[in-house]
Amino acid sequence: MKTYKLTPLEELHLEKKRVREERIISGQRLSYQIQYLGDNWGSLLTKGVTSSIRGKITNAVDNFSSGSSGSLTPFVTKQMNPWLSLVLSNLPQIGSAAWRLSKPAVIAFAAKKITSMIFGHKRSKKK
């Protein structure tokens, strides 16, 4: 049985096709990741901040408890209000909804201010 050997030109065409397909797949993956970040930036930011704060608190408690000669006491926090907990857990969704509701008013206010700054308006003097 004969094996067909590719010419250098055919190898280049195949390599070009493979690189093009990889580029398309990478572009789709990047687009998906950017879309995910755009949709979930609030929750990602909240999780990052809370984990950072939680890490600092646990380090402080560990340092404090390791320096004491007595028995190890657990770090107890006051229980949070359930409504506050609900609001904090849904903060990205609440912020997104609030921005969607207030965006037209903010744009209208900004447009009025900009047009009044550009064109100015003459006030009539009352006598």
N, C-alpha and C. Protein backbone atom coordinates (compact mmCIF):
# COMPACT_ATOMS: atom_id res chain seq x y z
N MET A 1 0.84 -1.17 0.00
CA MET A 1 0.00 0.00 0.00
C MET A 1 0.89 1.24 0.00
N LYS A 2 0.53 2.18 -0.83
CA LYS A 2 1.30 3.40 -0.95
C LYS A 2 0.81 4.43 0.05
N THR A 3 1.74 5.12 0.66
CA THR A 3 1.36 6.23 1.53
C THR A 3 1.58 7.52 0.76
N TYR A 4 0.63 8.39 0.90
CA TYR A 4 0.69 9.65 0.18
C TYR A 4 1.40 10.68 1.04
N LYS A 5 2.45 11.24 0.52
CA LYS A 5 3.20 12.25 1.25
C LYS A 5 2.75 13.63 0.79
N LEU A 6 2.50 14.50 1.78
CA LEU A 6 2.05 15.85 1.46
C LEU A 6 3.21 16.70 0.96
N THR A 7 2.88 17.53 0.02
CA THR A 7 3.88 18.48 -0.46
C THR A 7 4.01 19.60 0.56
N PRO A 8 5.09 20.35 0.52
CA PRO A 8 5.23 21.47 1.46
C PRO A 8 4.10 22.48 1.36
N LEU A 9 3.59 22.72 0.16
CA LEU A 9 2.48 23.66 -0.01
C LEU A 9 1.21 23.13 0.67
N GLU A 10 0.94 21.83 0.51
CA GLU A 10 -0.22 21.23 1.15
C GLU A 10 -0.08 21.25 2.68
N GLU A 11 1.13 21.03 3.16
CA GLU A 11 1.37 21.11 4.60
C GLU A 11 1.09 22.51 5.13
N LEU A 12 1.51 23.51 4.36
CA LEU A 12 1.24 24.90 4.76
C LEU A 12 -0.25 25.19 4.77
N HIS A 13 -0.98 24.69 3.76
CA HIS A 13 -2.42 24.90 3.72
C HIS A 13 -3.11 24.24 4.92
N LEU A 14 -2.68 23.02 5.26
CA LEU A 14 -3.26 22.34 6.42
C LEU A 14 -2.94 23.07 7.72
N GLU A 15 -1.71 23.54 7.83
CA GLU A 15 -1.32 24.29 9.03
C GLU A 15 -2.11 25.59 9.14
N LYS A 16 -2.31 26.25 8.00
CA LYS A 16 -3.09 27.49 7.98
C LYS A 16 -4.53 27.22 8.41
N LYS A 17 -5.10 26.13 7.91
CA LYS A 17 -6.47 25.77 8.27
C LYS A 17 -6.57 25.45 9.76
N ARG A 18 -5.58 24.71 10.29
CA ARG A 18 -5.59 24.34 11.70
C ARG A 18 -5.46 25.59 12.59
N VAL A 19 -4.57 26.50 12.21
CA VAL A 19 -4.38 27.73 12.99
C VAL A 19 -5.64 28.59 12.94
N ARG A 20 -6.29 28.65 11.78
CA ARG A 20 -7.52 29.43 11.65
C ARG A 20 -8.62 28.86 12.56
N GLU A 21 -8.75 27.53 12.59
CA GLU A 21 -9.75 26.89 13.45
C GLU A 21 -9.44 27.14 14.93
N GLU A 22 -8.17 27.05 15.30
CA GLU A 22 -7.78 27.33 16.69
C GLU A 22 -8.09 28.78 17.06
N ARG A 23 -7.85 29.69 16.13
CA ARG A 23 -8.13 31.11 16.38
C ARG A 23 -9.63 31.33 16.59
N ILE A 24 -10.45 30.69 15.79
CA ILE A 24 -11.90 30.83 15.93
C ILE A 24 -12.35 30.28 17.28
N ILE A 25 -11.84 29.11 17.66
CA ILE A 25 -12.21 28.51 18.94
C ILE A 25 -11.74 29.39 20.10
N SER A 26 -10.51 29.91 20.00
CA SER A 26 -10.00 30.79 21.06
C SER A 26 -10.82 32.07 21.15
N GLY A 27 -11.22 32.61 20.01
CA GLY A 27 -12.06 33.81 20.01
C GLY A 27 -13.40 33.56 20.67
N GLN A 28 -14.00 32.41 20.38
CA GLN A 28 -15.28 32.06 21.00
C GLN A 28 -15.13 31.89 22.50
N ARG A 29 -14.05 31.23 22.92
CA ARG A 29 -13.80 31.03 24.34
C ARG A 29 -13.60 32.38 25.05
N LEU A 30 -12.82 33.26 24.43
CA LEU A 30 -12.59 34.59 25.01
C LEU A 30 -13.89 35.39 25.07
N SER A 31 -14.69 35.30 24.02
CA SER A 31 -15.98 36.00 24.01
C SER A 31 -16.89 35.50 25.13
N TYR A 32 -16.91 34.19 25.33
CA TYR A 32 -17.72 33.61 26.40
C TYR A 32 -17.22 34.09 27.77
N GLN A 33 -15.91 34.11 27.96
CA GLN A 33 -15.36 34.55 29.24
C GLN A 33 -15.65 36.02 29.50
N ILE A 34 -15.55 36.85 28.47
CA ILE A 34 -15.86 38.27 28.63
C ILE A 34 -17.34 38.46 28.94
N GLN A 35 -18.20 37.69 28.28
CA GLN A 35 -19.63 37.77 28.55
C GLN A 35 -19.91 37.36 30.00
N TYR A 36 -19.25 36.30 30.47
CA TYR A 36 -19.43 35.84 31.84
C TYR A 36 -19.00 36.92 32.83
N LEU A 37 -17.84 37.54 32.56
CA LEU A 37 -17.37 38.61 33.44
C LEU A 37 -18.34 39.79 33.43
N GLY A 38 -18.87 40.12 32.26
CA GLY A 38 -19.82 41.22 32.17
C GLY A 38 -21.10 40.93 32.93
N ASP A 39 -21.55 39.69 32.88
CA ASP A 39 -22.80 39.32 33.57
C ASP A 39 -22.61 39.17 35.07
N ASN A 40 -21.43 38.76 35.51
CA ASN A 40 -21.23 38.41 36.92
C ASN A 40 -20.18 39.25 37.62
N TRP A 41 -19.88 40.44 37.12
CA TRP A 41 -18.81 41.23 37.72
C TRP A 41 -19.13 41.63 39.16
N GLY A 42 -20.39 41.88 39.44
CA GLY A 42 -20.77 42.29 40.80
C GLY A 42 -20.55 41.19 41.82
N SER A 43 -21.03 40.00 41.49
CA SER A 43 -20.87 38.90 42.44
C SER A 43 -19.40 38.51 42.58
N LEU A 44 -18.64 38.56 41.48
CA LEU A 44 -17.21 38.25 41.58
C LEU A 44 -16.48 39.26 42.45
N LEU A 45 -16.82 40.53 42.30
CA LEU A 45 -16.20 41.56 43.12
C LEU A 45 -16.57 41.40 44.58
N THR A 46 -17.85 41.13 44.84
CA THR A 46 -18.31 40.94 46.21
C THR A 46 -17.62 39.74 46.86
N LYS A 47 -17.52 38.63 46.12
CA LYS A 47 -16.86 37.45 46.67
C LYS A 47 -15.39 37.72 46.94
N GLY A 48 -14.74 38.45 46.05
CA GLY A 48 -13.33 38.76 46.25
C GLY A 48 -13.10 39.62 47.48
N VAL A 49 -13.95 40.63 47.65
CA VAL A 49 -13.80 41.53 48.79
C VAL A 49 -14.09 40.79 50.09
N THR A 50 -15.18 40.01 50.11
CA THR A 50 -15.53 39.31 51.34
C THR A 50 -14.49 38.25 51.70
N SER A 51 -13.96 37.55 50.70
CA SER A 51 -12.94 36.55 51.03
C SER A 51 -11.66 37.22 51.53
N SER A 52 -11.35 38.39 51.00
CA SER A 52 -10.17 39.13 51.48
C SER A 52 -10.37 39.56 52.93
N ILE A 53 -11.54 40.10 53.21
CA ILE A 53 -11.83 40.55 54.58
C ILE A 53 -11.85 39.35 55.53
N ARG A 54 -12.48 38.27 55.10
CA ARG A 54 -12.56 37.07 55.93
C ARG A 54 -11.16 36.54 56.22
N GLY A 55 -10.29 36.55 55.21
CA GLY A 55 -8.91 36.09 55.41
C GLY A 55 -8.17 36.95 56.41
N LYS A 56 -8.35 38.27 56.34
CA LYS A 56 -7.68 39.16 57.28
C LYS A 56 -8.19 38.94 58.70
N ILE A 57 -9.49 38.73 58.84
CA ILE A 57 -10.07 38.51 60.17
C ILE A 57 -9.55 37.20 60.76
N THR A 58 -9.52 36.14 59.95
CA THR A 58 -9.04 34.86 60.48
C THR A 58 -7.57 34.93 60.83
N ASN A 59 -6.78 35.65 60.03
CA ASN A 59 -5.36 35.82 60.38
C ASN A 59 -5.20 36.58 61.68
N ALA A 60 -6.00 37.63 61.87
CA ALA A 60 -5.92 38.40 63.10
C ALA A 60 -6.32 37.55 64.30
N VAL A 61 -7.36 36.74 64.14
CA VAL A 61 -7.81 35.88 65.23
C VAL A 61 -6.76 34.82 65.52
N ASP A 62 -6.16 34.24 64.48
CA ASP A 62 -5.11 33.24 64.70
C ASP A 62 -3.92 33.84 65.42
N ASN A 63 -3.51 35.03 65.01
CA ASN A 63 -2.39 35.69 65.67
C ASN A 63 -2.71 36.03 67.12
N PHE A 64 -3.93 36.48 67.34
CA PHE A 64 -4.35 36.84 68.69
C PHE A 64 -4.42 35.60 69.57
N SER A 65 -5.02 34.54 69.05
CA SER A 65 -5.20 33.34 69.86
C SER A 65 -3.88 32.59 70.07
N SER A 66 -2.96 32.65 69.12
CA SER A 66 -1.69 31.96 69.31
C SER A 66 -0.81 32.69 70.33
N GLY A 67 -1.02 33.98 70.50
CA GLY A 67 -0.23 34.74 71.46
C GLY A 67 -0.72 34.57 72.89
N SER A 68 -1.93 34.07 73.06
CA SER A 68 -2.45 33.93 74.42
C SER A 68 -1.99 32.61 75.02
N SER A 69 -1.85 32.59 76.36
CA SER A 69 -1.39 31.38 77.03
C SER A 69 -2.56 30.52 77.49
N GLY A 70 -3.77 31.07 77.48
CA GLY A 70 -4.94 30.32 77.93
C GLY A 70 -5.45 29.39 76.85
N SER A 71 -6.63 28.86 77.09
CA SER A 71 -7.21 27.94 76.12
C SER A 71 -7.68 28.72 74.89
N LEU A 72 -7.79 28.00 73.79
CA LEU A 72 -8.19 28.60 72.52
C LEU A 72 -9.69 28.81 72.53
N THR A 73 -10.12 30.04 72.36
CA THR A 73 -11.55 30.34 72.33
C THR A 73 -11.95 30.64 70.89
N PRO A 74 -13.11 30.15 70.46
CA PRO A 74 -13.53 30.40 69.08
C PRO A 74 -13.93 31.86 68.89
N PHE A 75 -13.78 32.31 67.67
CA PHE A 75 -14.14 33.68 67.30
C PHE A 75 -15.64 33.70 67.02
N VAL A 76 -16.40 34.38 67.85
CA VAL A 76 -17.85 34.41 67.71
C VAL A 76 -18.26 35.80 67.26
N THR A 77 -19.08 35.84 66.24
CA THR A 77 -19.58 37.12 65.76
C THR A 77 -21.06 37.22 66.05
N LYS A 78 -21.53 38.44 66.08
CA LYS A 78 -22.95 38.67 66.29
C LYS A 78 -23.69 38.26 65.02
N GLN A 79 -24.82 37.58 65.20
CA GLN A 79 -25.58 37.13 64.05
C GLN A 79 -26.14 38.33 63.30
N MET A 80 -26.03 38.29 61.97
CA MET A 80 -26.47 39.40 61.15
C MET A 80 -27.99 39.38 60.99
N ASN A 81 -28.54 40.55 60.80
CA ASN A 81 -29.96 40.68 60.53
C ASN A 81 -30.29 39.90 59.26
N PRO A 82 -31.37 39.10 59.24
CA PRO A 82 -31.68 38.30 58.05
C PRO A 82 -31.95 39.17 56.82
N TRP A 83 -32.54 40.34 57.01
CA TRP A 83 -32.81 41.23 55.87
C TRP A 83 -31.51 41.76 55.29
N LEU A 84 -30.57 42.11 56.16
CA LEU A 84 -29.28 42.59 55.70
C LEU A 84 -28.54 41.48 54.96
N SER A 85 -28.63 40.28 55.48
CA SER A 85 -28.00 39.13 54.83
C SER A 85 -28.61 38.90 53.45
N LEU A 86 -29.92 39.02 53.34
CA LEU A 86 -30.61 38.85 52.06
C LEU A 86 -30.17 39.92 51.07
N VAL A 87 -30.10 41.17 51.52
CA VAL A 87 -29.69 42.27 50.64
C VAL A 87 -28.25 42.08 50.19
N LEU A 88 -27.36 41.72 51.11
CA LEU A 88 -25.96 41.55 50.75
C LEU A 88 -25.74 40.38 49.80
N SER A 89 -26.51 39.31 49.98
CA SER A 89 -26.34 38.17 49.09
C SER A 89 -26.86 38.47 47.69
N ASN A 90 -27.82 39.38 47.57
CA ASN A 90 -28.39 39.73 46.27
C ASN A 90 -27.95 41.10 45.79
N LEU A 91 -26.87 41.61 46.34
CA LEU A 91 -26.40 42.96 46.00
C LEU A 91 -26.14 43.15 44.51
N PRO A 92 -25.50 42.22 43.80
CA PRO A 92 -25.29 42.45 42.37
C PRO A 92 -26.60 42.57 41.58
N GLN A 93 -27.59 41.74 41.91
CA GLN A 93 -28.86 41.81 41.20
C GLN A 93 -29.59 43.11 41.54
N ILE A 94 -29.54 43.51 42.80
CA ILE A 94 -30.20 44.76 43.21
C ILE A 94 -29.53 45.94 42.54
N GLY A 95 -28.20 45.95 42.52
CA GLY A 95 -27.47 47.04 41.87
C GLY A 95 -27.77 47.11 40.39
N SER A 96 -27.83 45.95 39.74
CA SER A 96 -28.13 45.91 38.31
C SER A 96 -29.54 46.44 38.03
N ALA A 97 -30.51 46.03 38.84
CA ALA A 97 -31.88 46.50 38.65
C ALA A 97 -31.99 48.00 38.94
N ALA A 98 -31.31 48.46 39.97
CA ALA A 98 -31.35 49.89 40.30
C ALA A 98 -30.73 50.72 39.18
N TRP A 99 -29.63 50.23 38.61
CA TRP A 99 -29.00 50.96 37.51
C TRP A 99 -29.91 50.99 36.29
N ARG A 100 -30.59 49.86 35.98
CA ARG A 100 -31.50 49.85 34.84
C ARG A 100 -32.66 50.81 35.05
N LEU A 101 -33.11 50.96 36.29
CA LEU A 101 -34.22 51.88 36.56
C LEU A 101 -33.78 53.33 36.54
N SER A 102 -32.60 53.62 37.07
CA SER A 102 -32.16 55.01 37.18
C SER A 102 -31.41 55.52 35.96
N LYS A 103 -31.00 54.63 35.07
CA LYS A 103 -30.20 55.03 33.91
C LYS A 103 -30.90 56.06 33.03
N PRO A 104 -32.19 55.91 32.67
CA PRO A 104 -32.83 56.93 31.83
C PRO A 104 -32.87 58.30 32.51
N ALA A 105 -33.12 58.34 33.81
CA ALA A 105 -33.16 59.62 34.52
C ALA A 105 -31.78 60.26 34.55
N VAL A 106 -30.76 59.48 34.77
CA VAL A 106 -29.39 60.01 34.80
C VAL A 106 -28.99 60.54 33.43
N ILE A 107 -29.34 59.81 32.38
CA ILE A 107 -29.00 60.25 31.02
C ILE A 107 -29.75 61.53 30.68
N ALA A 108 -31.04 61.61 31.04
CA ALA A 108 -31.81 62.82 30.76
C ALA A 108 -31.24 64.01 31.52
N PHE A 109 -30.89 63.82 32.78
CA PHE A 109 -30.31 64.89 33.58
C PHE A 109 -28.99 65.36 32.97
N ALA A 110 -28.15 64.40 32.59
CA ALA A 110 -26.85 64.74 32.01
C ALA A 110 -27.02 65.46 30.68
N ALA A 111 -27.98 65.01 29.87
CA ALA A 111 -28.22 65.67 28.58
C ALA A 111 -28.68 67.11 28.77
N LYS A 112 -29.56 67.34 29.74
CA LYS A 112 -30.02 68.71 30.01
C LYS A 112 -28.87 69.59 30.48
N LYS A 113 -28.04 69.06 31.38
CA LYS A 113 -26.91 69.84 31.88
C LYS A 113 -25.92 70.16 30.77
N ILE A 114 -25.64 69.18 29.93
CA ILE A 114 -24.67 69.40 28.85
C ILE A 114 -25.20 70.41 27.85
N THR A 115 -26.47 70.28 27.47
CA THR A 115 -27.02 71.25 26.51
C THR A 115 -27.08 72.64 27.11
N SER A 116 -27.39 72.76 28.39
CA SER A 116 -27.42 74.09 29.00
C SER A 116 -26.01 74.66 29.12
N MET A 117 -25.00 73.81 29.31
CA MET A 117 -23.63 74.29 29.36
C MET A 117 -23.15 74.72 27.97
N ILE A 118 -23.54 73.97 26.95
CA ILE A 118 -23.09 74.29 25.59
C ILE A 118 -23.82 75.51 25.05
N PHE A 119 -25.14 75.49 25.10
CA PHE A 119 -25.92 76.55 24.49
C PHE A 119 -26.28 77.65 25.48
N GLY A 120 -26.30 77.33 26.73
CA GLY A 120 -26.68 78.32 27.74
C GLY A 120 -28.17 78.63 27.61
N HIS A 121 -28.74 79.11 28.63
CA HIS A 121 -30.14 79.53 28.53
C HIS A 121 -30.26 80.88 29.22
N LYS A 122 -31.00 81.71 28.57
CA LYS A 122 -31.19 83.06 29.10
C LYS A 122 -32.43 83.06 29.97
N ARG A 123 -32.26 83.56 31.15
CA ARG A 123 -33.38 83.63 32.08
C ARG A 123 -34.03 84.99 31.94
N SER A 124 -35.32 84.93 31.94
CA SER A 124 -36.03 86.21 31.85
C SER A 124 -36.06 86.85 33.24
N LYS A 125 -35.81 88.13 33.26
CA LYS A 125 -35.80 88.84 34.54
C LYS A 125 -37.21 89.29 34.87
N LYS A 126 -37.63 88.97 36.06
CA LYS A 126 -38.96 89.40 36.50
C LYS A 126 -38.81 90.71 37.25
N LYS A 127 -39.68 91.62 36.93
CA LYS A 127 -39.63 92.94 37.56
C LYS A 127 -40.74 93.13 38.54
